[in-house]
Amino acid sequence: MKIRARNKAISGVRVRVEHAIAGIKRLRITTDKFRNKTDSFSDKAMLISCGLWNYHLKCR
């Protein structure tokens, strides 16, 4: 029984993480072909995407 409760807790966290990743991917800057080769720009794009998704969640 203890294993079942642990798996349920892990799956609950996994669902929240997967929903967050899907929300970030909806902005499409993280999933489309990225042509800008500037150093660290992809990190900035991910940072902006995460920030926008968090703002969306806060304002709904």
N, C-alpha and C. Protein backbone atom coordinates (compact mmCIF):
# COMPACT_ATOMS: atom_id res chain seq x y z
N MET A 1 0.82 -1.21 0.00
CA MET A 1 0.00 0.00 0.00
C MET A 1 0.85 1.26 0.00
N LYS A 2 2.00 1.20 0.65
CA LYS A 2 2.86 2.37 0.72
C LYS A 2 3.38 2.76 -0.66
N ILE A 3 3.65 1.76 -1.49
CA ILE A 3 4.14 2.02 -2.84
C ILE A 3 3.07 2.72 -3.67
N ARG A 4 1.83 2.32 -3.50
CA ARG A 4 0.74 2.93 -4.25
C ARG A 4 0.60 4.41 -3.90
N ALA A 5 0.70 4.75 -2.62
CA ALA A 5 0.59 6.15 -2.20
C ALA A 5 1.76 6.97 -2.74
N ARG A 6 2.94 6.37 -2.74
CA ARG A 6 4.12 7.08 -3.25
C ARG A 6 3.98 7.33 -4.75
N ASN A 7 3.53 6.33 -5.50
CA ASN A 7 3.33 6.49 -6.93
C ASN A 7 2.27 7.54 -7.23
N LYS A 8 1.24 7.59 -6.41
CA LYS A 8 0.19 8.60 -6.61
C LYS A 8 0.74 10.00 -6.40
N ALA A 9 1.58 10.18 -5.39
CA ALA A 9 2.19 11.49 -5.13
C ALA A 9 3.12 11.89 -6.28
N ILE A 10 3.90 10.93 -6.77
CA ILE A 10 4.81 11.23 -7.87
C ILE A 10 4.04 11.58 -9.13
N SER A 11 2.98 10.85 -9.42
CA SER A 11 2.20 11.13 -10.63
C SER A 11 1.50 12.48 -10.54
N GLY A 12 1.11 12.89 -9.36
CA GLY A 12 0.50 14.20 -9.20
C GLY A 12 1.47 15.33 -9.53
N VAL A 13 2.71 15.17 -9.11
CA VAL A 13 3.73 16.16 -9.43
C VAL A 13 4.04 16.13 -10.92
N ARG A 14 4.13 14.93 -11.48
CA ARG A 14 4.45 14.79 -12.90
C ARG A 14 3.41 15.47 -13.77
N VAL A 15 2.16 15.35 -13.43
CA VAL A 15 1.09 15.97 -14.22
C VAL A 15 1.24 17.49 -14.22
N ARG A 16 1.54 18.06 -13.06
CA ARG A 16 1.70 19.52 -12.98
C ARG A 16 2.88 19.99 -13.81
N VAL A 17 3.98 19.23 -13.78
CA VAL A 17 5.16 19.59 -14.55
C VAL A 17 4.88 19.48 -16.05
N GLU A 18 4.21 18.42 -16.46
CA GLU A 18 3.90 18.25 -17.88
C GLU A 18 2.95 19.33 -18.38
N HIS A 19 2.01 19.75 -17.57
CA HIS A 19 1.11 20.85 -17.96
C HIS A 19 1.88 22.15 -18.10
N ALA A 20 2.84 22.40 -17.22
CA ALA A 20 3.65 23.61 -17.30
C ALA A 20 4.49 23.62 -18.57
N ILE A 21 5.10 22.49 -18.90
CA ILE A 21 5.91 22.40 -20.12
C ILE A 21 5.04 22.60 -21.35
N ALA A 22 3.85 22.03 -21.35
CA ALA A 22 2.93 22.22 -22.48
C ALA A 22 2.52 23.67 -22.62
N GLY A 23 2.31 24.36 -21.51
CA GLY A 23 1.96 25.77 -21.56
C GLY A 23 3.07 26.62 -22.14
N ILE A 24 4.30 26.30 -21.78
CA ILE A 24 5.44 27.04 -22.32
C ILE A 24 5.57 26.78 -23.82
N LYS A 25 5.33 25.56 -24.24
CA LYS A 25 5.44 25.22 -25.65
C LYS A 25 4.35 25.87 -26.49
N ARG A 26 3.25 26.29 -25.88
CA ARG A 26 2.19 26.96 -26.63
C ARG A 26 2.66 28.29 -27.19
N LEU A 27 3.69 28.88 -26.62
CA LEU A 27 4.19 30.16 -27.10
C LEU A 27 5.02 30.01 -28.38
N ARG A 28 5.38 28.80 -28.74
CA ARG A 28 6.00 28.39 -30.00
C ARG A 28 7.42 28.89 -30.21
N ILE A 29 7.93 29.82 -29.41
CA ILE A 29 9.32 30.23 -29.58
C ILE A 29 10.25 29.11 -29.12
N THR A 30 9.74 28.23 -28.27
CA THR A 30 10.57 27.14 -27.76
C THR A 30 10.51 25.90 -28.65
N THR A 31 9.53 25.80 -29.53
CA THR A 31 9.38 24.59 -30.33
C THR A 31 9.69 24.80 -31.81
N ASP A 32 9.56 26.01 -32.33
CA ASP A 32 9.84 26.27 -33.74
C ASP A 32 11.34 26.26 -34.01
N LYS A 33 11.68 26.16 -35.28
CA LYS A 33 13.09 26.21 -35.69
C LYS A 33 13.65 27.57 -35.34
N PHE A 34 14.77 27.57 -34.63
CA PHE A 34 15.36 28.81 -34.14
C PHE A 34 16.53 29.18 -35.03
N ARG A 35 16.47 30.33 -35.69
CA ARG A 35 17.48 30.70 -36.68
C ARG A 35 18.51 31.67 -36.15
N ASN A 36 18.25 32.30 -35.03
CA ASN A 36 19.20 33.26 -34.48
C ASN A 36 20.32 32.50 -33.77
N LYS A 37 21.54 32.70 -34.19
CA LYS A 37 22.68 31.97 -33.64
C LYS A 37 23.43 32.76 -32.58
N THR A 38 22.87 33.84 -32.08
CA THR A 38 23.52 34.63 -31.05
C THR A 38 23.72 33.79 -29.79
N ASP A 39 24.88 33.96 -29.15
CA ASP A 39 25.16 33.20 -27.93
C ASP A 39 24.14 33.52 -26.85
N SER A 40 23.69 32.51 -26.18
CA SER A 40 22.76 32.56 -25.04
C SER A 40 21.38 33.13 -25.38
N PHE A 41 21.07 33.33 -26.66
CA PHE A 41 19.75 33.86 -26.99
C PHE A 41 18.66 32.81 -26.77
N SER A 42 19.00 31.54 -26.98
CA SER A 42 17.98 30.50 -26.75
C SER A 42 17.64 30.41 -25.26
N ASP A 43 18.63 30.66 -24.39
CA ASP A 43 18.34 30.70 -22.96
C ASP A 43 17.42 31.86 -22.62
N LYS A 44 17.64 32.99 -23.25
CA LYS A 44 16.79 34.16 -23.01
C LYS A 44 15.37 33.90 -23.54
N ALA A 45 15.27 33.22 -24.67
CA ALA A 45 13.95 32.90 -25.22
C ALA A 45 13.19 31.99 -24.26
N MET A 46 13.87 31.01 -23.68
CA MET A 46 13.22 30.11 -22.72
C MET A 46 12.83 30.89 -21.46
N LEU A 47 13.68 31.78 -21.01
CA LEU A 47 13.38 32.58 -19.83
C LEU A 47 12.16 33.46 -20.06
N ILE A 48 12.08 34.06 -21.23
CA ILE A 48 10.93 34.90 -21.56
C ILE A 48 9.66 34.05 -21.66
N SER A 49 9.76 32.89 -22.28
CA SER A 49 8.60 32.00 -22.40
C SER A 49 8.08 31.56 -21.03
N CYS A 50 9.00 31.20 -20.15
CA CYS A 50 8.59 30.78 -18.80
C CYS A 50 7.96 31.94 -18.04
N GLY A 51 8.54 33.13 -18.19
CA GLY A 51 7.98 34.30 -17.52
C GLY A 51 6.58 34.63 -18.02
N LEU A 52 6.39 34.57 -19.33
CA LEU A 52 5.07 34.84 -19.89
C LEU A 52 4.04 33.80 -19.45
N TRP A 53 4.46 32.55 -19.37
CA TRP A 53 3.53 31.51 -18.93
C TRP A 53 3.16 31.71 -17.47
N ASN A 54 4.14 32.05 -16.63
CA ASN A 54 3.84 32.32 -15.22
C ASN A 54 2.91 33.52 -15.07
N TYR A 55 3.13 34.55 -15.90
CA TYR A 55 2.24 35.72 -15.87
C TYR A 55 0.82 35.32 -16.28
N HIS A 56 0.71 34.47 -17.29
CA HIS A 56 -0.60 34.00 -17.73
C HIS A 56 -1.32 33.26 -16.59
N LEU A 57 -0.58 32.40 -15.89
CA LEU A 57 -1.20 31.65 -14.81
C LEU A 57 -1.60 32.58 -13.66
N LYS A 58 -0.83 33.60 -13.42
CA LYS A 58 -1.12 34.53 -12.33
C LYS A 58 -2.37 35.37 -12.63
N CYS A 59 -2.56 35.72 -13.87
CA CYS A 59 -3.65 36.65 -14.24
C CYS A 59 -4.96 35.97 -14.60
N ARG A 60 -5.01 34.67 -14.59
CA ARG A 60 -6.28 34.05 -14.99
C ARG A 60 -7.21 33.85 -13.84
